[in-house]
Amino acid sequence: MELEFEKTRRQHIIDLLQLKSWSVYELAKELDVEVNTVVNDLEHIKRSISFPYKMNIFPPECTNCGFKFKDRSKFTKPSRCPRCKGERIIPLMVKIDFVKSTKRQ
């Protein structure tokens, strides 16, 4: 008889991130939890994820002028663009990819 264990919320987030790119807000809605909970989970996953997996983070982008927030380390959406002061910002997207080994055998 095999025991089936329920996955933790973080394990479930990892599974979702392997399927496609998600924003923090989409994950919070999918999991029915607060955004801050997802942010904390993503910060933990980012620190703990290891080879052969890699967390890819796609920075937020202003829809008005195209400015990309490349140096932003927070998972939440910035309130406004520093270039044009616009508030229509595409949120940061996160995805986990499987990385193939680059070693030749």
N, C-alpha and C. Protein backbone atom coordinates (compact mmCIF):
# COMPACT_ATOMS: atom_id res chain seq x y z
N MET A 1 0.83 -1.18 0.00
CA MET A 1 0.00 0.00 0.00
C MET A 1 0.88 1.24 0.00
N GLU A 2 0.69 2.10 -1.00
CA GLU A 2 1.48 3.32 -1.10
C GLU A 2 0.75 4.46 -0.41
N LEU A 3 1.53 5.29 0.28
CA LEU A 3 0.96 6.45 0.94
C LEU A 3 0.99 7.64 -0.01
N GLU A 4 -0.11 8.34 -0.10
CA GLU A 4 -0.19 9.55 -0.93
C GLU A 4 -0.10 10.75 -0.01
N PHE A 5 0.84 11.65 -0.29
CA PHE A 5 0.99 12.84 0.53
C PHE A 5 0.48 14.06 -0.21
N GLU A 6 -0.17 14.91 0.52
CA GLU A 6 -0.64 16.18 -0.03
C GLU A 6 0.58 17.07 -0.28
N LYS A 7 0.59 17.76 -1.41
CA LYS A 7 1.70 18.67 -1.71
C LYS A 7 1.55 19.95 -0.90
N THR A 8 2.69 20.53 -0.54
CA THR A 8 2.65 21.81 0.15
C THR A 8 2.32 22.90 -0.87
N ARG A 9 1.98 24.07 -0.38
CA ARG A 9 1.67 25.20 -1.27
C ARG A 9 2.89 25.53 -2.14
N ARG A 10 4.06 25.51 -1.57
CA ARG A 10 5.28 25.82 -2.35
C ARG A 10 5.54 24.78 -3.43
N GLN A 11 5.30 23.52 -3.10
CA GLN A 11 5.45 22.47 -4.12
C GLN A 11 4.43 22.67 -5.24
N HIS A 12 3.24 23.07 -4.88
CA HIS A 12 2.21 23.33 -5.88
C HIS A 12 2.61 24.52 -6.76
N ILE A 13 3.17 25.57 -6.15
CA ILE A 13 3.64 26.72 -6.93
C ILE A 13 4.73 26.30 -7.90
N ILE A 14 5.67 25.49 -7.45
CA ILE A 14 6.75 25.01 -8.33
C ILE A 14 6.17 24.24 -9.51
N ASP A 15 5.18 23.39 -9.25
CA ASP A 15 4.53 22.64 -10.33
C ASP A 15 3.87 23.58 -11.33
N LEU A 16 3.18 24.59 -10.84
CA LEU A 16 2.52 25.55 -11.73
C LEU A 16 3.53 26.33 -12.56
N LEU A 17 4.64 26.73 -11.92
CA LEU A 17 5.65 27.53 -12.62
C LEU A 17 6.41 26.73 -13.67
N GLN A 18 6.38 25.42 -13.57
CA GLN A 18 7.02 24.59 -14.59
C GLN A 18 6.15 24.47 -15.84
N LEU A 19 4.86 24.76 -15.71
CA LEU A 19 3.95 24.66 -16.84
C LEU A 19 3.95 25.90 -17.73
N LYS A 20 3.97 27.09 -17.09
CA LYS A 20 3.94 28.34 -17.85
C LYS A 20 4.38 29.49 -16.96
N SER A 21 4.50 30.68 -17.54
CA SER A 21 4.84 31.88 -16.78
C SER A 21 3.61 32.38 -16.04
N TRP A 22 3.81 32.81 -14.80
CA TRP A 22 2.73 33.32 -13.97
C TRP A 22 3.16 34.64 -13.33
N SER A 23 2.21 35.53 -13.10
CA SER A 23 2.48 36.71 -12.27
C SER A 23 2.12 36.34 -10.83
N VAL A 24 2.60 37.14 -9.89
CA VAL A 24 2.29 36.92 -8.48
C VAL A 24 0.78 36.96 -8.26
N TYR A 25 0.12 37.88 -8.96
CA TYR A 25 -1.32 38.07 -8.80
C TYR A 25 -2.11 36.88 -9.34
N GLU A 26 -1.66 36.33 -10.46
CA GLU A 26 -2.31 35.14 -11.03
C GLU A 26 -2.16 33.94 -10.09
N LEU A 27 -0.95 33.78 -9.52
CA LEU A 27 -0.72 32.68 -8.59
C LEU A 27 -1.59 32.82 -7.34
N ALA A 28 -1.68 34.04 -6.82
CA ALA A 28 -2.49 34.28 -5.63
C ALA A 28 -3.96 33.93 -5.90
N LYS A 29 -4.44 34.30 -7.07
CA LYS A 29 -5.83 34.00 -7.43
C LYS A 29 -6.02 32.49 -7.62
N GLU A 30 -5.08 31.85 -8.29
CA GLU A 30 -5.17 30.41 -8.55
C GLU A 30 -5.17 29.61 -7.24
N LEU A 31 -4.33 30.04 -6.29
CA LEU A 31 -4.18 29.31 -5.03
C LEU A 31 -5.13 29.81 -3.94
N ASP A 32 -5.84 30.88 -4.22
CA ASP A 32 -6.79 31.48 -3.28
C ASP A 32 -6.10 31.87 -1.96
N VAL A 33 -4.97 32.59 -2.11
CA VAL A 33 -4.23 33.11 -0.96
C VAL A 33 -3.89 34.57 -1.21
N GLU A 34 -3.39 35.25 -0.18
CA GLU A 34 -2.99 36.65 -0.29
C GLU A 34 -1.73 36.77 -1.15
N VAL A 35 -1.58 37.93 -1.80
CA VAL A 35 -0.41 38.20 -2.64
C VAL A 35 0.87 38.11 -1.81
N ASN A 36 0.85 38.65 -0.58
CA ASN A 36 2.05 38.61 0.27
C ASN A 36 2.50 37.18 0.56
N THR A 37 1.56 36.27 0.68
CA THR A 37 1.90 34.86 0.91
C THR A 37 2.65 34.29 -0.29
N VAL A 38 2.17 34.60 -1.49
CA VAL A 38 2.83 34.13 -2.71
C VAL A 38 4.21 34.77 -2.84
N VAL A 39 4.33 36.06 -2.52
CA VAL A 39 5.63 36.75 -2.58
C VAL A 39 6.62 36.05 -1.66
N ASN A 40 6.21 35.77 -0.43
CA ASN A 40 7.10 35.08 0.52
C ASN A 40 7.48 33.70 0.00
N ASP A 41 6.52 32.98 -0.56
CA ASP A 41 6.81 31.65 -1.10
C ASP A 41 7.79 31.74 -2.27
N LEU A 42 7.60 32.70 -3.16
CA LEU A 42 8.50 32.85 -4.32
C LEU A 42 9.91 33.22 -3.88
N GLU A 43 10.03 34.07 -2.86
CA GLU A 43 11.35 34.43 -2.35
C GLU A 43 12.06 33.19 -1.79
N HIS A 44 11.31 32.34 -1.09
CA HIS A 44 11.89 31.11 -0.56
C HIS A 44 12.27 30.15 -1.68
N ILE A 45 11.38 30.00 -2.66
CA ILE A 45 11.65 29.11 -3.80
C ILE A 45 12.88 29.59 -4.56
N LYS A 46 13.00 30.90 -4.74
CA LYS A 46 14.14 31.47 -5.47
C LYS A 46 15.45 31.12 -4.77
N ARG A 47 15.46 31.17 -3.43
CA ARG A 47 16.67 30.84 -2.67
C ARG A 47 16.96 29.35 -2.67
N SER A 48 15.92 28.52 -2.71
CA SER A 48 16.12 27.08 -2.51
C SER A 48 16.17 26.25 -3.79
N ILE A 49 15.75 26.82 -4.91
CA ILE A 49 15.73 26.04 -6.15
C ILE A 49 17.17 25.76 -6.61
N SER A 50 17.39 24.56 -7.11
CA SER A 50 18.75 24.19 -7.49
C SER A 50 18.74 23.44 -8.82
N PHE A 51 19.94 23.24 -9.35
CA PHE A 51 20.13 22.52 -10.60
C PHE A 51 19.43 21.18 -10.50
N PRO A 52 18.73 20.72 -11.47
CA PRO A 52 18.65 21.13 -12.87
C PRO A 52 17.53 22.12 -13.17
N TYR A 53 17.01 22.81 -12.16
CA TYR A 53 15.94 23.77 -12.39
C TYR A 53 16.46 25.18 -12.22
N LYS A 54 15.84 26.12 -12.93
CA LYS A 54 16.25 27.52 -12.87
C LYS A 54 14.99 28.38 -12.88
N MET A 55 14.95 29.37 -11.98
CA MET A 55 13.82 30.29 -11.96
C MET A 55 14.12 31.44 -12.90
N ASN A 56 13.29 31.60 -13.91
CA ASN A 56 13.43 32.72 -14.84
C ASN A 56 12.44 33.81 -14.43
N ILE A 57 12.97 35.02 -14.29
CA ILE A 57 12.14 36.15 -13.87
C ILE A 57 12.13 37.15 -15.01
N PHE A 58 10.93 37.45 -15.49
CA PHE A 58 10.75 38.41 -16.57
C PHE A 58 10.28 39.71 -15.94
N PRO A 59 11.07 40.79 -16.07
CA PRO A 59 10.79 42.02 -15.33
C PRO A 59 9.50 42.71 -15.75
N PRO A 60 8.95 43.52 -14.82
CA PRO A 60 7.76 44.32 -15.18
C PRO A 60 8.10 45.29 -16.30
N GLU A 61 7.07 45.68 -17.06
CA GLU A 61 7.29 46.58 -18.21
C GLU A 61 6.16 47.60 -18.29
N CYS A 62 6.52 48.84 -18.58
CA CYS A 62 5.53 49.91 -18.75
C CYS A 62 4.86 49.75 -20.12
N THR A 63 3.54 49.79 -20.13
CA THR A 63 2.82 49.65 -21.40
C THR A 63 2.84 50.94 -22.21
N ASN A 64 3.09 52.08 -21.54
CA ASN A 64 3.12 53.36 -22.25
C ASN A 64 4.40 53.57 -23.05
N CYS A 65 5.56 53.38 -22.38
CA CYS A 65 6.83 53.71 -23.04
C CYS A 65 7.74 52.50 -23.24
N GLY A 66 7.38 51.34 -22.69
CA GLY A 66 8.20 50.13 -22.88
C GLY A 66 9.34 49.98 -21.91
N PHE A 67 9.46 50.86 -20.90
CA PHE A 67 10.53 50.76 -19.92
C PHE A 67 10.45 49.44 -19.18
N LYS A 68 11.61 48.74 -19.07
CA LYS A 68 11.68 47.46 -18.34
C LYS A 68 12.39 47.69 -17.02
N PHE A 69 11.82 47.17 -15.96
CA PHE A 69 12.37 47.30 -14.62
C PHE A 69 13.35 46.16 -14.38
N LYS A 70 14.48 46.15 -15.10
CA LYS A 70 15.42 45.04 -15.08
C LYS A 70 16.10 44.84 -13.72
N ASP A 71 16.37 45.94 -13.00
CA ASP A 71 17.12 45.84 -11.75
C ASP A 71 16.22 45.68 -10.53
N ARG A 72 14.94 45.55 -10.73
CA ARG A 72 14.01 45.42 -9.61
C ARG A 72 14.10 44.02 -9.02
N SER A 73 14.29 43.95 -7.70
CA SER A 73 14.43 42.66 -7.03
C SER A 73 13.13 42.20 -6.36
N LYS A 74 12.15 43.06 -6.27
CA LYS A 74 10.88 42.70 -5.63
C LYS A 74 9.98 41.96 -6.62
N PHE A 75 9.15 41.07 -6.08
CA PHE A 75 8.22 40.31 -6.91
C PHE A 75 6.92 41.07 -7.19
N THR A 76 6.67 42.14 -6.45
CA THR A 76 5.44 42.90 -6.65
C THR A 76 5.59 43.90 -7.79
N LYS A 77 4.44 44.39 -8.29
CA LYS A 77 4.42 45.32 -9.41
C LYS A 77 4.78 46.73 -8.91
N PRO A 78 5.65 47.44 -9.64
CA PRO A 78 5.95 48.83 -9.27
C PRO A 78 4.71 49.71 -9.47
N SER A 79 4.63 50.79 -8.72
CA SER A 79 3.43 51.62 -8.79
C SER A 79 3.39 52.50 -10.03
N ARG A 80 4.55 52.98 -10.48
CA ARG A 80 4.58 53.80 -11.69
C ARG A 80 5.93 53.75 -12.37
N CYS A 81 5.95 54.13 -13.62
CA CYS A 81 7.16 54.11 -14.43
C CYS A 81 8.03 55.33 -14.10
N PRO A 82 9.34 55.13 -13.88
CA PRO A 82 10.21 56.27 -13.59
C PRO A 82 10.46 57.15 -14.81
N ARG A 83 10.26 56.60 -16.00
CA ARG A 83 10.52 57.36 -17.22
C ARG A 83 9.34 58.26 -17.60
N CYS A 84 8.15 57.67 -17.75
CA CYS A 84 6.99 58.44 -18.24
C CYS A 84 5.95 58.70 -17.15
N LYS A 85 6.17 58.16 -15.95
CA LYS A 85 5.25 58.30 -14.81
C LYS A 85 3.92 57.59 -15.04
N GLY A 86 3.83 56.74 -16.07
CA GLY A 86 2.62 55.99 -16.33
C GLY A 86 2.39 54.92 -15.26
N GLU A 87 1.14 54.56 -15.06
CA GLU A 87 0.80 53.57 -14.04
C GLU A 87 0.32 52.26 -14.63
N ARG A 88 0.34 52.14 -15.95
CA ARG A 88 -0.06 50.88 -16.60
C ARG A 88 1.19 50.01 -16.78
N ILE A 89 1.40 49.13 -15.81
CA ILE A 89 2.60 48.31 -15.76
C ILE A 89 2.22 46.84 -15.90
N ILE A 90 2.88 46.15 -16.82
CA ILE A 90 2.72 44.69 -16.93
C ILE A 90 3.51 44.08 -15.78
N PRO A 91 2.88 43.26 -14.94
CA PRO A 91 3.58 42.73 -13.76
C PRO A 91 4.69 41.75 -14.13
N LEU A 92 5.59 41.58 -13.18
CA LEU A 92 6.68 40.62 -13.29
C LEU A 92 6.10 39.23 -13.50
N MET A 93 6.74 38.45 -14.35
CA MET A 93 6.32 37.07 -14.62
C MET A 93 7.45 36.13 -14.20
N VAL A 94 7.05 34.96 -13.70
CA VAL A 94 8.02 33.98 -13.20
C VAL A 94 7.73 32.63 -13.84
N LYS A 95 8.80 31.91 -14.16
CA LYS A 95 8.67 30.55 -14.71
C LYS A 95 9.87 29.74 -14.25
N ILE A 96 9.66 28.46 -14.04
CA ILE A 96 10.76 27.56 -13.70
C ILE A 96 11.00 26.63 -14.88
N ASP A 97 12.24 26.61 -15.32
CA ASP A 97 12.61 25.77 -16.46
C ASP A 97 13.60 24.70 -16.04
N PHE A 98 13.55 23.60 -16.76
CA PHE A 98 14.52 22.52 -16.60
C PHE A 98 15.74 22.88 -17.42
N VAL A 99 16.92 22.87 -16.83
CA VAL A 99 18.15 23.24 -17.52
C VAL A 99 18.92 21.98 -17.85
N LYS A 100 19.22 21.82 -19.12
CA LYS A 100 20.02 20.67 -19.53
C LYS A 100 21.47 20.91 -19.17
N SER A 101 22.18 19.87 -18.85
CA SER A 101 23.58 19.97 -18.50
C SER A 101 24.39 20.40 -19.73
N THR A 102 25.34 21.29 -19.51
CA THR A 102 26.17 21.77 -20.61
C THR A 102 27.47 20.96 -20.72
N LYS A 103 27.69 20.00 -19.81
CA LYS A 103 28.89 19.17 -19.87
C LYS A 103 28.80 18.20 -21.03
N ARG A 104 29.92 18.01 -21.69
CA ARG A 104 29.98 17.00 -22.75
C ARG A 104 30.51 15.72 -22.16
N GLN A 105 29.92 14.64 -22.57
CA GLN A 105 30.36 13.35 -22.00
C GLN A 105 31.17 12.57 -22.96
